[in-house]
N, C-alpha and C. Protein backbone atom coordinates (compact mmCIF):
# COMPACT_ATOMS: atom_id res chain seq x y z
N MET A 1 17.34 -18.51 2.03
CA MET A 1 18.07 -17.40 1.44
C MET A 1 18.19 -17.66 -0.06
N GLN A 2 17.98 -16.63 -0.84
CA GLN A 2 18.08 -16.72 -2.28
C GLN A 2 19.36 -16.00 -2.75
N VAL A 3 19.96 -16.49 -3.80
CA VAL A 3 21.12 -15.84 -4.40
C VAL A 3 20.69 -15.25 -5.73
N VAL A 4 20.97 -13.98 -5.92
CA VAL A 4 20.66 -13.31 -7.18
C VAL A 4 21.94 -12.74 -7.77
N THR A 5 21.91 -12.46 -9.06
CA THR A 5 23.08 -11.92 -9.75
C THR A 5 22.80 -10.47 -10.14
N ILE A 6 23.78 -9.63 -9.93
CA ILE A 6 23.67 -8.23 -10.37
C ILE A 6 23.97 -8.19 -11.85
N GLY A 7 23.03 -7.61 -12.62
CA GLY A 7 23.18 -7.55 -14.07
C GLY A 7 24.14 -6.46 -14.51
N THR A 8 24.31 -6.35 -15.82
CA THR A 8 25.26 -5.38 -16.38
C THR A 8 24.86 -3.94 -16.09
N LYS A 9 23.59 -3.71 -15.82
CA LYS A 9 23.12 -2.35 -15.48
C LYS A 9 22.92 -2.20 -13.98
N ASN A 10 23.59 -3.04 -13.19
CA ASN A 10 23.51 -3.02 -11.73
C ASN A 10 22.10 -3.25 -11.21
N GLN A 11 21.33 -4.06 -11.90
CA GLN A 11 19.97 -4.38 -11.48
C GLN A 11 19.92 -5.80 -10.95
N ILE A 12 18.98 -6.03 -10.03
CA ILE A 12 18.73 -7.38 -9.54
C ILE A 12 17.26 -7.70 -9.73
N VAL A 13 16.95 -8.98 -9.80
CA VAL A 13 15.57 -9.44 -9.89
C VAL A 13 15.25 -10.14 -8.59
N LEU A 14 14.16 -9.70 -7.94
CA LEU A 14 13.74 -10.37 -6.71
C LEU A 14 13.12 -11.71 -7.09
N PRO A 15 13.56 -12.78 -6.46
CA PRO A 15 13.00 -14.09 -6.78
C PRO A 15 11.50 -14.15 -6.50
N LYS A 16 10.81 -14.97 -7.27
CA LYS A 16 9.36 -15.10 -7.16
C LYS A 16 8.94 -15.45 -5.74
N GLU A 17 9.68 -16.35 -5.10
CA GLU A 17 9.37 -16.77 -3.73
C GLU A 17 9.38 -15.57 -2.77
N VAL A 18 10.32 -14.67 -2.95
CA VAL A 18 10.41 -13.47 -2.11
C VAL A 18 9.28 -12.50 -2.43
N ARG A 19 9.01 -12.28 -3.72
CA ARG A 19 7.93 -11.36 -4.13
C ARG A 19 6.58 -11.82 -3.61
N GLU A 20 6.33 -13.12 -3.59
CA GLU A 20 5.04 -13.64 -3.14
C GLU A 20 4.85 -13.48 -1.63
N LYS A 21 5.92 -13.43 -0.87
CA LYS A 21 5.82 -13.28 0.58
C LYS A 21 5.46 -11.86 1.00
N ILE A 22 5.77 -10.89 0.15
CA ILE A 22 5.51 -9.50 0.50
C ILE A 22 4.22 -9.07 -0.18
N LYS A 23 3.16 -8.87 0.62
CA LYS A 23 1.86 -8.50 0.06
C LYS A 23 1.95 -7.13 -0.61
N GLY A 24 1.29 -7.00 -1.73
CA GLY A 24 1.21 -5.72 -2.41
C GLY A 24 2.44 -5.37 -3.22
N LEU A 25 3.42 -6.25 -3.29
CA LEU A 25 4.61 -5.98 -4.08
C LEU A 25 4.29 -6.29 -5.53
N LYS A 26 4.35 -5.27 -6.38
CA LYS A 26 4.03 -5.42 -7.79
C LYS A 26 4.85 -4.42 -8.58
N PRO A 27 4.90 -4.55 -9.90
CA PRO A 27 5.69 -3.62 -10.70
C PRO A 27 5.27 -2.17 -10.43
N GLY A 28 6.26 -1.32 -10.26
CA GLY A 28 5.99 0.08 -9.99
C GLY A 28 6.05 0.44 -8.52
N ARG A 29 5.96 -0.54 -7.65
CA ARG A 29 6.03 -0.29 -6.20
C ARG A 29 7.46 0.09 -5.83
N LYS A 30 7.61 1.04 -4.98
CA LYS A 30 8.92 1.49 -4.55
C LYS A 30 9.44 0.61 -3.42
N VAL A 31 10.74 0.39 -3.40
CA VAL A 31 11.40 -0.29 -2.30
C VAL A 31 12.57 0.58 -1.84
N MET A 32 12.93 0.43 -0.58
CA MET A 32 14.05 1.18 -0.03
C MET A 32 15.23 0.23 0.11
N VAL A 33 16.42 0.72 -0.19
CA VAL A 33 17.63 -0.07 -0.09
C VAL A 33 18.56 0.60 0.91
N TYR A 34 18.99 -0.16 1.91
CA TYR A 34 19.88 0.36 2.95
C TYR A 34 21.20 -0.39 2.91
N SER A 35 22.28 0.33 3.13
CA SER A 35 23.59 -0.28 3.29
C SER A 35 23.81 -0.46 4.79
N ILE A 36 23.87 -1.70 5.24
CA ILE A 36 24.05 -2.01 6.65
C ILE A 36 25.53 -1.88 7.03
N ASP A 37 26.38 -2.52 6.24
CA ASP A 37 27.82 -2.38 6.40
C ASP A 37 28.46 -2.65 5.04
N ALA A 38 29.76 -2.88 5.01
CA ALA A 38 30.46 -3.03 3.73
C ALA A 38 30.00 -4.25 2.92
N ASP A 39 29.40 -5.24 3.58
CA ASP A 39 29.00 -6.46 2.88
C ASP A 39 27.51 -6.77 2.94
N THR A 40 26.71 -5.89 3.54
CA THR A 40 25.31 -6.22 3.78
C THR A 40 24.40 -5.10 3.31
N ILE A 41 23.35 -5.47 2.58
CA ILE A 41 22.31 -4.50 2.22
C ILE A 41 20.97 -5.04 2.71
N LYS A 42 20.04 -4.13 2.85
CA LYS A 42 18.69 -4.48 3.28
C LYS A 42 17.73 -3.85 2.28
N ILE A 43 16.78 -4.63 1.79
CA ILE A 43 15.76 -4.13 0.87
C ILE A 43 14.43 -4.20 1.61
N LYS A 44 13.74 -3.07 1.68
CA LYS A 44 12.48 -3.00 2.42
C LYS A 44 11.41 -2.39 1.52
N ALA A 45 10.24 -3.01 1.50
CA ALA A 45 9.13 -2.45 0.73
C ALA A 45 8.72 -1.13 1.38
N SER A 46 8.58 -0.10 0.56
CA SER A 46 8.19 1.20 1.09
C SER A 46 6.73 1.19 1.51
N ASP A 47 6.37 2.14 2.33
CA ASP A 47 4.98 2.27 2.74
C ASP A 47 4.14 2.59 1.51
N LYS A 48 2.93 2.09 1.53
CA LYS A 48 2.01 2.39 0.44
C LYS A 48 1.64 3.86 0.48
N ASP A 49 1.28 4.41 -0.66
CA ASP A 49 0.85 5.81 -0.66
C ASP A 49 -0.53 5.92 -0.03
N TRP A 50 -0.99 7.13 0.20
CA TRP A 50 -2.24 7.35 0.95
C TRP A 50 -3.45 6.76 0.24
N VAL A 51 -3.41 6.68 -1.07
CA VAL A 51 -4.55 6.10 -1.80
C VAL A 51 -4.64 4.60 -1.52
N GLU A 52 -3.51 3.92 -1.60
CA GLU A 52 -3.51 2.47 -1.34
C GLU A 52 -3.84 2.17 0.12
N ARG A 53 -3.33 2.99 1.04
CA ARG A 53 -3.62 2.76 2.46
C ARG A 53 -5.09 2.97 2.77
N GLY A 54 -5.73 3.93 2.11
CA GLY A 54 -7.12 4.25 2.41
C GLY A 54 -8.14 3.45 1.63
N TYR A 55 -7.68 2.70 0.62
CA TYR A 55 -8.62 1.96 -0.22
C TYR A 55 -9.42 0.97 0.62
N GLY A 56 -10.72 1.06 0.54
CA GLY A 56 -11.61 0.14 1.24
C GLY A 56 -11.83 0.47 2.70
N LEU A 57 -11.24 1.57 3.17
CA LEU A 57 -11.33 1.92 4.58
C LEU A 57 -12.77 2.15 5.03
N MET A 58 -13.59 2.75 4.19
CA MET A 58 -14.96 3.09 4.56
C MET A 58 -16.00 2.19 3.89
N LYS A 59 -15.60 1.00 3.45
CA LYS A 59 -16.54 0.17 2.70
C LYS A 59 -17.75 -0.26 3.52
N ASN A 60 -17.62 -0.30 4.83
CA ASN A 60 -18.76 -0.70 5.67
C ASN A 60 -19.40 0.48 6.40
N ALA A 61 -19.00 1.70 6.06
CA ALA A 61 -19.49 2.88 6.78
C ALA A 61 -21.02 3.03 6.65
N TRP A 62 -21.58 2.76 5.49
CA TRP A 62 -23.01 2.94 5.28
C TRP A 62 -23.75 1.61 5.24
N LYS A 63 -23.09 0.55 5.65
CA LYS A 63 -23.72 -0.76 5.62
C LYS A 63 -24.94 -0.77 6.54
N GLY A 64 -26.07 -1.13 6.00
CA GLY A 64 -27.30 -1.18 6.79
C GLY A 64 -28.00 0.15 6.92
N GLY A 65 -27.43 1.20 6.35
CA GLY A 65 -28.05 2.52 6.44
C GLY A 65 -28.31 3.08 5.05
N ASP A 66 -29.06 4.16 5.01
CA ASP A 66 -29.38 4.80 3.74
C ASP A 66 -28.70 6.17 3.70
N PRO A 67 -27.65 6.33 2.91
CA PRO A 67 -26.93 7.59 2.88
C PRO A 67 -27.79 8.77 2.41
N ILE A 68 -28.76 8.53 1.54
CA ILE A 68 -29.63 9.61 1.06
C ILE A 68 -30.48 10.14 2.21
N LYS A 69 -31.04 9.25 3.01
CA LYS A 69 -31.84 9.68 4.16
C LYS A 69 -30.99 10.43 5.17
N GLU A 70 -29.78 9.96 5.40
CA GLU A 70 -28.88 10.65 6.34
C GLU A 70 -28.54 12.05 5.84
N LEU A 71 -28.31 12.18 4.55
CA LEU A 71 -28.01 13.49 3.97
C LEU A 71 -29.20 14.44 4.12
N GLU A 72 -30.38 13.96 3.84
CA GLU A 72 -31.59 14.77 4.00
C GLU A 72 -31.76 15.20 5.46
N LYS A 73 -31.50 14.27 6.38
CA LYS A 73 -31.61 14.58 7.81
C LYS A 73 -30.64 15.69 8.19
N MET A 74 -29.41 15.62 7.70
CA MET A 74 -28.42 16.67 8.00
C MET A 74 -28.83 18.01 7.40
N ARG A 75 -29.38 17.98 6.17
CA ARG A 75 -29.83 19.22 5.54
C ARG A 75 -30.96 19.86 6.33
N ASN A 76 -31.91 19.03 6.78
CA ASN A 76 -33.03 19.54 7.58
C ASN A 76 -32.54 20.15 8.89
N GLU A 77 -31.60 19.49 9.54
CA GLU A 77 -31.04 20.02 10.79
C GLU A 77 -30.36 21.36 10.54
N TRP A 78 -29.68 21.48 9.45
CA TRP A 78 -28.99 22.73 9.10
C TRP A 78 -29.98 23.86 8.88
N HIS A 79 -31.07 23.56 8.16
CA HIS A 79 -32.06 24.59 7.86
C HIS A 79 -32.84 25.01 9.10
N GLU A 80 -33.00 24.10 10.06
CA GLU A 80 -33.70 24.43 11.30
C GLU A 80 -32.91 25.39 12.16
N LYS A 81 -31.62 25.38 12.04
CA LYS A 81 -30.77 26.28 12.84
C LYS A 81 -30.80 27.63 12.22
């Protein structure tokens, strides 16, 4: 457990050890803060936006294939109909 101090502007700094444990936590990332009870809060990293979630999703989609040939094949099938 880490102890942090609330600054004059009611801000806290997440300790480096905590930041390193949460993948993808970087400046600008949103976090959610929950009040559990009168003495307890919970800080949770928000879900990544759709761009970050989808990044690299299709990196192996055309692996071993030729996208130009596939496109030509689809065009030919379309023209035949």
